[in-house]
C-alpha atoms as a PDB file:
ATOM      1  CA  MET A   1     -65.346  -5.473  59.792  1.00  0.00           C
ATOM      2  CA  GLU A   2     -61.871  -6.954  60.683  1.00  0.00           C
ATOM      3  CA  LYS A   3     -61.032  -7.070  64.428  1.00  0.00           C
ATOM      4  CA  LEU A   4     -58.710  -4.101  65.578  1.00  0.00           C
ATOM      5  CA  ILE A   5     -54.941  -4.222  66.094  1.00  0.00           C
ATOM      6  CA  ILE A   6     -53.667  -2.145  68.402  1.00  0.00           C
ATOM      7  CA  THR A   7     -49.960  -1.333  68.511  1.00  0.00           C
ATOM      8  CA  SER A   8     -48.318   0.012  71.390  1.00  0.00           C
ATOM      9  CA  ALA A   9     -45.437   2.616  70.830  1.00  0.00           C
ATOM     10  CA  LEU A  10     -43.979   2.491  74.323  1.00  0.00           C
ATOM     11  CA  THR A  11     -40.992   4.716  74.216  1.00  0.00           C
ATOM     12  CA  GLY A  12     -39.994   6.422  70.909  1.00  0.00           C
ATOM     13  CA  ASN A  13     -36.906   8.650  70.577  1.00  0.00           C
ATOM     14  CA  VAL A  14     -38.351  11.888  72.278  1.00  0.00           C
ATOM     15  CA  PRO A  15     -39.981  11.003  75.674  1.00  0.00           C
ATOM     16  CA  THR A  16     -38.023  11.351  78.673  1.00  0.00           C
ATOM     17  CA  LYS A  17     -38.441  10.513  82.429  1.00  0.00           C
ATOM     18  CA  GLU A  18     -38.736  14.566  82.892  1.00  0.00           C
ATOM     19  CA  MET A  19     -41.413  14.986  80.247  1.00  0.00           C
ATOM     20  CA  ASN A  20     -43.439  11.752  81.523  1.00  0.00           C
ATOM     21  CA  PRO A  21     -42.295   9.780  84.647  1.00  0.00           C
ATOM     22  CA  HIS A  22     -44.115   6.672  83.361  1.00  0.00           C
ATOM     23  CA  THR A  23     -41.464   6.811  80.092  1.00  0.00           C
ATOM     24  CA  PRO A  24     -39.855   3.217  80.056  1.00  0.00           C
ATOM     25  CA  ILE A  25     -36.062   3.549  79.307  1.00  0.00           C
ATOM     26  CA  THR A  26     -34.317   0.603  80.419  1.00  0.00           C
ATOM     27  CA  ALA A  27     -34.791  -2.811  78.827  1.00  0.00           C
ATOM     28  CA  GLU A  28     -36.359  -3.999  82.275  1.00  0.00           C
ATOM     29  CA  GLU A  29     -38.917  -0.975  82.056  1.00  0.00           C
ATOM     30  CA  ILE A  30     -39.661  -1.507  78.218  1.00  0.00           C
ATOM     31  CA  VAL A  31     -40.528  -5.326  78.639  1.00  0.00           C
ATOM     32  CA  ALA A  32     -42.372  -4.606  81.793  1.00  0.00           C
ATOM     33  CA  ALA A  33     -44.792  -2.150  80.010  1.00  0.00           C
ATOM     34  CA  ILE A  34     -44.721  -4.398  77.022  1.00  0.00           C
ATOM     35  CA  LYS A  35     -46.436  -7.368  79.048  1.00  0.00           C
ATOM     36  CA  LYS A  36     -48.736  -4.568  80.888  1.00  0.00           C
ATOM     37  CA  CYS A  37     -49.843  -3.348  77.259  1.00  0.00           C
ATOM     38  CA  THR A  38     -50.617  -6.973  75.922  1.00  0.00           C
ATOM     39  CA  ALA A  39     -52.595  -8.009  78.837  1.00  0.00           C
ATOM     40  CA  LYS A  40     -54.670  -4.877  77.879  1.00  0.00           C
ATOM     41  CA  GLY A  41     -55.142  -5.802  74.410  1.00  0.00           C
ATOM     42  CA  THR A  42     -52.040  -4.825  72.457  1.00  0.00           C
ATOM     43  CA  SER A  43     -51.181  -7.535  69.765  1.00  0.00           C
ATOM     44  CA  ILE A  44     -47.809  -5.556  68.385  1.00  0.00           C
ATOM     45  CA  SER A  45     -45.225  -3.644  70.492  1.00  0.00           C
ATOM     46  CA  HIS A  46     -43.211  -1.008  68.267  1.00  0.00           C
ATOM     47  CA  ILE A  47     -39.960  -0.929  69.834  1.00  0.00           C
ATOM     48  CA  HIS A  48     -37.386   1.669  70.622  1.00  0.00           C
ATOM     49  CA  ALA A  49     -33.706   1.037  72.381  1.00  0.00           C
ATOM     50  CA  ARG A  50     -32.078   3.383  74.632  1.00  0.00           C
ATOM     51  CA  ASP A  51     -28.421   3.457  75.527  1.00  0.00           C
ATOM     52  CA  GLU A  52     -26.851   3.544  79.202  1.00  0.00           C
ATOM     53  CA  GLU A  53     -27.868   7.237  79.583  1.00  0.00           C
ATOM     54  CA  GLY A  54     -31.128   6.513  78.606  1.00  0.00           C
ATOM     55  CA  LYS A  55     -30.429   8.281  74.869  1.00  0.00           C
ATOM     56  CA  PRO A  56     -32.016   6.749  71.734  1.00  0.00           C
ATOM     57  CA  THR A  57     -29.764   4.310  70.169  1.00  0.00           C
ATOM     58  CA  ALA A  58     -29.881   1.731  67.178  1.00  0.00           C
ATOM     59  CA  ARG A  59     -27.376  -0.519  68.781  1.00  0.00           C
ATOM     60  CA  ARG A  60     -28.082  -4.110  68.055  1.00  0.00           C
ATOM     61  CA  ASP A  61     -26.982  -4.976  71.641  1.00  0.00           C
ATOM     62  CA  ARG A  62     -29.750  -2.851  73.080  1.00  0.00           C
ATOM     63  CA  PHE A  63     -32.373  -4.325  70.709  1.00  0.00           C
ATOM     64  CA  LYS A  64     -31.316  -7.624  71.687  1.00  0.00           C
ATOM     65  CA  MET A  65     -31.845  -7.172  75.233  1.00  0.00           C
ATOM     66  CA  ILE A  66     -35.224  -5.992  74.793  1.00  0.00           C
ATOM     67  CA  VAL A  67     -36.028  -9.136  72.569  1.00  0.00           C
ATOM     68  CA  ASP A  68     -34.224 -11.559  74.774  1.00  0.00           C
ATOM     69  CA  GLN A  69     -36.331 -10.560  77.517  1.00  0.00           C
ATOM     70  CA  ILE A  70     -39.457 -10.726  75.934  1.00  0.00           C
ATOM     71  CA  GLU A  71     -39.042 -14.204  74.970  1.00  0.00           C
ATOM     72  CA  GLU A  72     -37.693 -14.938  78.600  1.00  0.00           C
ATOM     73  CA  ASN A  73     -40.701 -13.631  80.063  1.00  0.00           C
ATOM     74  CA  ASN A  74     -42.860 -15.525  77.649  1.00  0.00           C
ATOM     75  CA  ILE A  75     -44.611 -12.456  76.419  1.00  0.00           C
ATOM     76  CA  GLU A  76     -46.750 -13.529  73.171  1.00  0.00           C
ATOM     77  CA  VAL A  77     -46.838 -10.355  71.030  1.00  0.00           C
ATOM     78  CA  ILE A  78     -45.523  -9.308  67.200  1.00  0.00           C
ATOM     79  CA  LYS A  79     -42.267  -7.646  67.841  1.00  0.00           C
ATOM     80  CA  GLN A  80     -41.947  -4.663  65.543  1.00  0.00           C
ATOM     81  CA  LEU A  81     -38.149  -2.772  65.616  1.00  0.00           C
ATOM     82  CA  SER A  82     -37.649   0.933  64.696  1.00  0.00           C
ATOM     83  CA  THR A  83     -35.348   1.516  62.130  1.00  0.00           C
ATOM     84  CA  GLY A  84     -35.860   5.931  62.178  1.00  0.00           C
ATOM     85  CA  ALA A  85     -33.593   8.116  61.696  1.00  0.00           C
ATOM     86  CA  ARG A  86     -32.880   9.645  65.073  1.00  0.00           C
ATOM     87  CA  ALA A  87     -31.097   7.036  66.796  1.00  0.00           C
ATOM     88  CA  GLY A  88     -27.358   6.967  65.995  1.00  0.00           C
ATOM     89  CA  GLU A  89     -25.851   7.634  62.796  1.00  0.00           C
ATOM     90  CA  ASN A  90     -28.158   8.138  59.884  1.00  0.00           C
ATOM     91  CA  THR A  91     -26.544   5.308  57.648  1.00  0.00           C
ATOM     92  CA  ALA A  92     -28.108   2.346  56.499  1.00  0.00           C
ATOM     93  CA  GLU A  93     -25.494   0.072  58.601  1.00  0.00           C
ATOM     94  CA  SER A  94     -26.262   1.672  61.831  1.00  0.00           C
ATOM     95  CA  ARG A  95     -30.299   1.631  61.539  1.00  0.00           C
ATOM     96  CA  GLY A  96     -30.400  -1.749  60.088  1.00  0.00           C
ATOM     97  CA  GLN A  97     -27.834  -3.457  62.548  1.00  0.00           C
ATOM     98  CA  MET A  98     -30.637  -5.056  64.425  1.00  0.00           C
ATOM     99  CA  LEU A  99     -32.605  -6.644  61.763  1.00  0.00           C
ATOM    100  CA  ASP A 100     -31.003 -10.212  62.087  1.00  0.00           C
ATOM    101  CA  LEU A 101     -32.454 -10.512  65.299  1.00  0.00           C
ATOM    102  CA  ASP A 102     -35.689 -13.121  65.730  1.00  0.00           C
ATOM    103  CA  VAL A 103     -38.306 -10.412  65.159  1.00  0.00           C
ATOM    104  CA  ASP A 104     -41.449 -10.242  63.008  1.00  0.00           C
ATOM    105  CA  MET A 105     -41.878  -6.760  61.648  1.00  0.00           C
ATOM    106  CA  ALA A 106     -39.676  -3.274  61.333  1.00  0.00           C
ATOM    107  CA  SER A 107     -40.436   0.157  60.588  1.00  0.00           C
ATOM    108  CA  LEU A 108     -39.697   1.460  56.924  1.00  0.00           C
ATOM    109  CA  THR A 109     -40.067   4.923  56.081  1.00  0.00           C
ATOM    110  CA  THR A 110     -40.379   5.729  52.262  1.00  0.00           C
ATOM    111  CA  GLY A 111     -39.114   9.445  52.165  1.00  0.00           C
ATOM    112  CA  SER A 112     -37.920  12.334  54.116  1.00  0.00           C
ATOM    113  CA  ALA A 113     -40.211  14.729  56.093  1.00  0.00           C
ATOM    114  CA  ASN A 114     -39.742  17.470  58.272  1.00  0.00           C
ATOM    115  CA  PHE A 115     -39.868  17.002  62.072  1.00  0.00           C
ATOM    116  CA  PRO A 116     -40.173  20.104  64.595  1.00  0.00           C
ATOM    117  CA  ASN A 117     -36.430  20.647  64.851  1.00  0.00           C
ATOM    118  CA  MET A 118     -35.079  18.418  62.575  1.00  0.00           C
ATOM    119  CA  VAL A 119     -35.202  16.684  58.923  1.00  0.00           C
ATOM    120  CA  ASN A 120     -36.429  13.277  59.255  1.00  0.00           C
ATOM    121  CA  ALA A 121     -33.702  12.180  56.536  1.00  0.00           C
ATOM    122  CA  ASN A 122     -34.374   9.137  54.537  1.00  0.00           C
ATOM    123  CA  PRO A 123     -32.181   8.979  51.407  1.00  0.00           C
ATOM    124  CA  PRO A 124     -33.055   6.339  48.441  1.00  0.00           C
ATOM    125  CA  GLU A 125     -30.016   4.436  49.279  1.00  0.00           C
ATOM    126  CA  ILE A 126     -30.851   4.092  52.933  1.00  0.00           C
ATOM    127  CA  ILE A 127     -34.217   3.247  52.118  1.00  0.00           C
ATOM    128  CA  LEU A 128     -33.277   0.641  49.725  1.00  0.00           C
ATOM    129  CA  ALA A 129     -30.754  -1.200  51.642  1.00  0.00           C
ATOM    130  CA  LEU A 130     -33.049  -1.315  54.757  1.00  0.00           C
ATOM    131  CA  ALA A 131     -35.806  -2.721  52.433  1.00  0.00           C
ATOM    132  CA  LYS A 132     -33.459  -5.402  50.972  1.00  0.00           C
ATOM    133  CA  LYS A 133     -32.502  -6.406  54.594  1.00  0.00           C
ATOM    134  CA  MET A 134     -35.893  -6.967  55.999  1.00  0.00           C
ATOM    135  CA  ARG A 135     -36.658  -9.016  52.913  1.00  0.00           C
ATOM    136  CA  ASP A 136     -33.604 -10.935  53.311  1.00  0.00           C
ATOM    137  CA  ASN A 137     -34.331 -11.553  57.029  1.00  0.00           C
ATOM    138  CA  HIS A 138     -38.194 -12.352  56.474  1.00  0.00           C
ATOM    139  CA  ILE A 139     -39.195  -9.329  58.536  1.00  0.00           C
ATOM    140  CA  LYS A 140     -42.365  -7.333  57.030  1.00  0.00           C
ATOM    141  CA  PRO A 141     -41.968  -3.722  57.006  1.00  0.00           C
ATOM    142  CA  GLU A 142     -44.624  -1.232  58.331  1.00  0.00           C
ATOM    143  CA  ILE A 143     -44.069   1.386  55.927  1.00  0.00           C
ATOM    144  CA  GLU A 144     -44.251   4.504  57.977  1.00  0.00           C
ATOM    145  CA  ILE A 145     -46.348   7.509  55.842  1.00  0.00           C
ATOM    146  CA  PHE A 146     -45.715  10.977  56.909  1.00  0.00           C
ATOM    147  CA  ASP A 147     -46.630  12.538  53.746  1.00  0.00           C
ATOM    148  CA  SER A 148     -48.472  10.706  50.413  1.00  0.00           C
ATOM    149  CA  SER A 149     -45.521  10.941  48.642  1.00  0.00           C
ATOM    150  CA  MET A 150     -44.097   8.098  50.586  1.00  0.00           C
ATOM    151  CA  ILE A 151     -46.811   5.853  49.479  1.00  0.00           C
ATOM    152  CA  ALA A 152     -45.690   6.464  45.703  1.00  0.00           C
ATOM    153  CA  ASN A 153     -42.654   5.235  46.734  1.00  0.00           C
ATOM    154  CA  ALA A 154     -43.503   2.173  48.642  1.00  0.00           C
ATOM    155  CA  LEU A 155     -45.411   1.228  45.465  1.00  0.00           C
ATOM    156  CA  TYR A 156     -42.371   1.772  43.365  1.00  0.00           C
ATOM    157  CA  LEU A 157     -40.364  -0.821  45.947  1.00  0.00           C
ATOM    158  CA  GLU A 158     -43.110  -3.133  45.564  1.00  0.00           C
ATOM    159  CA  LYS A 159     -43.362  -3.164  41.718  1.00  0.00           C
ATOM    160  CA  LYS A 160     -39.488  -3.611  41.827  1.00  0.00           C
ATOM    161  CA  GLY A 161     -39.792  -6.888  44.405  1.00  0.00           C
ATOM    162  CA  ILE A 162     -37.899  -5.272  46.932  1.00  0.00           C
ATOM    163  CA  ILE A 163     -41.087  -5.231  49.219  1.00  0.00           C
ATOM    164  CA  LYS A 164     -43.813  -7.775  49.061  1.00  0.00           C
ATOM    165  CA  GLY A 165     -47.516  -7.538  49.149  1.00  0.00           C
ATOM    166  CA  PRO A 166     -49.840  -7.364  51.092  1.00  0.00           C
ATOM    167  CA  LEU A 167     -48.481  -4.076  52.299  1.00  0.00           C
ATOM    168  CA  HIS A 168     -48.974  -2.663  55.850  1.00  0.00           C
ATOM    169  CA  PHE A 169     -48.904   1.089  56.222  1.00  0.00           C
ATOM    170  CA  ASN A 170     -48.741   3.466  59.295  1.00  0.00           C
ATOM    171  CA  PHE A 171     -50.012   6.712  58.767  1.00  0.00           C
ATOM    172  CA  VAL A 172     -48.274   8.931  61.016  1.00  0.00           C
ATOM    173  CA  MET A 173     -50.420  12.025  61.391  1.00  0.00           C
ATOM    174  CA  ASN A 174     -50.086  15.475  62.900  1.00  0.00           C
ATOM    175  CA  VAL A 175     -46.273  15.799  63.289  1.00  0.00           C
ATOM    176  CA  ARG A 176     -45.432  19.161  62.980  1.00  0.00           C
ATOM    177  CA  GLY A 177     -43.695  19.741  59.808  1.00  0.00           C
ATOM    178  CA  SER A 178     -45.437  16.948  58.161  1.00  0.00           C
ATOM    179  CA  LEU A 179     -49.269  15.959  56.964  1.00  0.00           C
ATOM    180  CA  PRO A 180     -51.853  17.215  59.720  1.00  0.00           C
ATOM    181  CA  GLY A 181     -54.009  15.030  61.540  1.00  0.00           C
ATOM    182  CA  THR A 182     -57.595  15.640  60.198  1.00  0.00           C
ATOM    183  CA  PRO A 183     -60.339  13.698  58.587  1.00  0.00           C
ATOM    184  CA  LYS A 184     -59.484  14.838  55.258  1.00  0.00           C
ATOM    185  CA  ASN A 185     -55.918  14.017  54.964  1.00  0.00           C
ATOM    186  CA  LEU A 186     -56.829  10.367  56.625  1.00  0.00           C
ATOM    187  CA  MET A 187     -59.440   9.506  54.040  1.00  0.00           C
ATOM    188  CA  PHE A 188     -57.178  10.771  51.367  1.00  0.00           C
ATOM    189  CA  LEU A 189     -54.294   8.199  52.261  1.00  0.00           C
ATOM    190  CA  VAL A 190     -56.419   5.569  52.770  1.00  0.00           C
ATOM    191  CA  ASP A 191     -57.706   6.139  49.217  1.00  0.00           C
ATOM    192  CA  SER A 192     -54.248   6.049  48.013  1.00  0.00           C
ATOM    193  CA  ILE A 193     -52.858   2.798  49.082  1.00  0.00           C
ATOM    194  CA  PRO A 194     -53.748  -0.591  47.221  1.00  0.00           C
ATOM    195  CA  PRO A 195     -56.719  -2.686  47.422  1.00  0.00           C
ATOM    196  CA  GLY A 196     -55.639  -5.537  50.022  1.00  0.00           C
ATOM    197  CA  SER A 197     -53.413  -3.496  51.803  1.00  0.00           C
ATOM    198  CA  THR A 198     -53.777  -2.880  55.713  1.00  0.00           C
ATOM    199  CA  TRP A 199     -53.178   0.259  57.609  1.00  0.00           C
ATOM    200  CA  THR A 200     -52.560   1.587  60.949  1.00  0.00           C
ATOM    201  CA  VAL A 201     -53.015   5.343  62.019  1.00  0.00           C
ATOM    202  CA  SER A 202     -50.638   7.138  64.542  1.00  0.00           C
ATOM    203  CA  GLY A 203     -52.080  10.206  65.735  1.00  0.00           C
ATOM    204  CA  ILE A 204     -49.640  12.616  67.431  1.00  0.00           C
ATOM    205  CA  GLY A 205     -50.333  14.818  70.220  1.00  0.00           C
ATOM    206  CA  LYS A 206     -53.873  16.282  70.340  1.00  0.00           C
ATOM    207  CA  SER A 207     -54.862  14.361  67.026  1.00  0.00           C
ATOM    208  CA  GLN A 208     -54.619  11.078  68.852  1.00  0.00           C
ATOM    209  CA  VAL A 209     -58.509  10.539  69.912  1.00  0.00           C
ATOM    210  CA  GLN A 210     -59.749  11.681  66.840  1.00  0.00           C
ATOM    211  CA  MET A 211     -57.469   9.713  64.650  1.00  0.00           C
ATOM    212  CA  ILE A 212     -57.911   6.669  66.413  1.00  0.00           C
ATOM    213  CA  THR A 213     -61.634   6.980  66.559  1.00  0.00           C
ATOM    214  CA  MET A 214     -61.942   7.446  62.901  1.00  0.00           C
ATOM    215  CA  ALA A 215     -59.601   4.712  62.062  1.00  0.00           C
ATOM    216  CA  ILE A 216     -61.659   2.184  64.229  1.00  0.00           C
ATOM    217  CA  ALA A 217     -64.803   3.261  62.502  1.00  0.00           C
ATOM    218  CA  MET A 218     -63.107   3.010  58.878  1.00  0.00           C
ATOM    219  CA  GLY A 219     -61.875  -0.702  59.494  1.00  0.00           C
ATOM    220  CA  GLY A 220     -58.595   0.383  60.114  1.00  0.00           C
ATOM    221  CA  HIS A 221     -55.898  -0.432  62.992  1.00  0.00           C
ATOM    222  CA  VAL A 222     -54.646   2.228  65.627  1.00  0.00           C
ATOM    223  CA  ARG A 223     -51.265   2.817  67.519  1.00  0.00           C
ATOM    224  CA  THR A 224     -50.917   4.400  70.719  1.00  0.00           C
ATOM    225  CA  GLY A 225     -48.513   4.886  73.546  1.00  0.00           C
ATOM    226  CA  LEU A 226     -45.900   7.582  75.237  1.00  0.00           C
ATOM    227  CA  GLU A 227     -44.305   7.855  71.817  1.00  0.00           C
ATOM    228  CA  ASP A 228     -47.045   9.329  70.282  1.00  0.00           C
ATOM    229  CA  VAL A 229     -48.816  11.346  73.532  1.00  0.00           C
ATOM    230  CA  LEU A 230     -47.869  12.336  76.863  1.00  0.00           C
ATOM    231  CA  GLU A 231     -50.929  13.185  78.729  1.00  0.00           C
ATOM    232  CA  MET A 232     -54.393  11.709  79.053  1.00  0.00           C
ATOM    233  CA  GLU A 233     -55.731  15.309  79.293  1.00  0.00           C
ATOM    234  CA  LYS A 234     -53.766  18.542  79.843  1.00  0.00           C
ATOM    235  CA  GLY A 235     -51.607  18.278  83.334  1.00  0.00           C
ATOM    236  CA  ILE A 236     -52.417  14.546  83.658  1.00  0.00           C
ATOM    237  CA  PRO A 237     -49.374  12.371  82.578  1.00  0.00           C
ATOM    238  CA  ALA A 238     -50.434   9.241  80.549  1.00  0.00           C
ATOM    239  CA  THR A 239     -49.206   5.749  80.987  1.00  0.00           C
ATOM    240  CA  ASN A 240     -48.840   3.191  78.347  1.00  0.00           C
ATOM    241  CA  GLU A 241     -51.647   1.048  79.834  1.00  0.00           C
ATOM    242  CA  MET A 242     -53.932   3.963  80.343  1.00  0.00           C
ATOM    243  CA  LEU A 243     -53.645   4.704  76.595  1.00  0.00           C
ATOM    244  CA  VAL A 244     -54.277   1.023  75.494  1.00  0.00           C
ATOM    245  CA  GLU A 245     -57.308   0.929  77.827  1.00  0.00           C
ATOM    246  CA  ARG A 246     -58.856   3.986  75.913  1.00  0.00           C
ATOM    247  CA  VAL A 247     -58.398   2.680  72.537  1.00  0.00           C
ATOM    248  CA  VAL A 248     -59.998  -0.209  74.049  1.00  0.00           C
ATOM    249  CA  LYS A 249     -62.981   1.687  75.274  1.00  0.00           C
ATOM    250  CA  ILE A 250     -63.603   3.806  71.840  1.00  0.00           C
ATOM    251  CA  ALA A 251     -63.356   0.129  69.888  1.00  0.00           C
ATOM    252  CA  GLN A 252     -66.195  -1.180  72.243  1.00  0.00           C
ATOM    253  CA  ALA A 253     -68.236   1.924  71.755  1.00  0.00           C
ATOM    254  CA  VAL A 254     -68.343   1.481  68.071  1.00  0.00           C
ATOM    255  CA  GLY A 255     -68.545  -2.648  68.374  1.00  0.00           C
ATOM    256  CA  ARG A 256     -65.370  -3.230  67.136  1.00  0.00           C
ATOM    257  CA  GLU A 257     -63.424  -6.475  68.515  1.00  0.00           C
ATOM    258  CA  ILE A 258     -59.853  -6.630  69.685  1.00  0.00           C
ATOM    259  CA  ALA A 259     -57.663  -8.743  67.729  1.00  0.00           C
ATOM    260  CA  THR A 260     -55.759 -11.469  69.610  1.00  0.00           C
ATOM    261  CA  VAL A 261     -51.729 -11.804  68.203  1.00  0.00           C
ATOM    262  CA  SER A 262     -52.536 -15.091  66.515  1.00  0.00           C
ATOM    263  CA  GLU A 263     -55.491 -13.210  64.636  1.00  0.00           C
ATOM    264  CA  ALA A 264     -53.184 -10.103  63.871  1.00  0.00           C
ATOM    265  CA  ARG A 265     -50.783 -12.541  62.508  1.00  0.00           C
ATOM    266  CA  GLU A 266     -53.214 -13.658  60.123  1.00  0.00           C
ATOM    267  CA  ILE A 267     -54.508 -10.079  59.327  1.00  0.00           C
ATOM    268  CA  LEU A 268     -51.371  -8.993  58.418  1.00  0.00           C
ATOM    269  CA  SER A 269     -50.347 -11.989  56.671  1.00  0.00           C
ATOM    270  CA  LEU A 270     -47.071 -12.874  58.801  1.00  0.00           C
END
């Protein structure tokens, strides 16, 4: 079985200090969390940025601060930027403005879905524009899957030569309004992607431990972090490092080795 790639999703768009005091907000806090998580076994950092008031933003300068500080601190990690719809204006220009930075990967959601209090809107023209900019800047998309129809759209983009294989998918499961995080749903998604693809699971909230345990046993990869879950157990706030440590312990229990950054690059064909 391939070694396990662990992605840390440190900040997201939703968490605040009030929701969890360990949430990294500033560039300095985010980079410090990345450093701690890579020491625990993370090989990919899924990066969101916040503005001066701590609110989600797609601003290039805020992403650049984080990317520059990762380099200045000599942190060896695969840098993966978020191009999600909840930070700033929902336009291709806004969401993709940071895609000329020196990074390895970026998120690409290939369809629209419901979130608890909004529509995660990804119109075809925005998907196409983001995918083309990633291709032109030699950035590998992580295809974010909230529903099975998004897989079909990703395969269409590959057929047209807009994204290139081998594809890498992230199954974001148990967001209220989207696909529930169940073993049956995970197995269906895995069976729906092309041979030779790689895949990661993000189990949101209460589904996290079950989904990441299944993914580890099935040969997939996993994402964890405060973007996906805020508590270790009820009433006990998590830290990003604690969540990574839990993944490592589960992997050790089933005999799965953890990938280094260089090994993750090879697995993902970066």
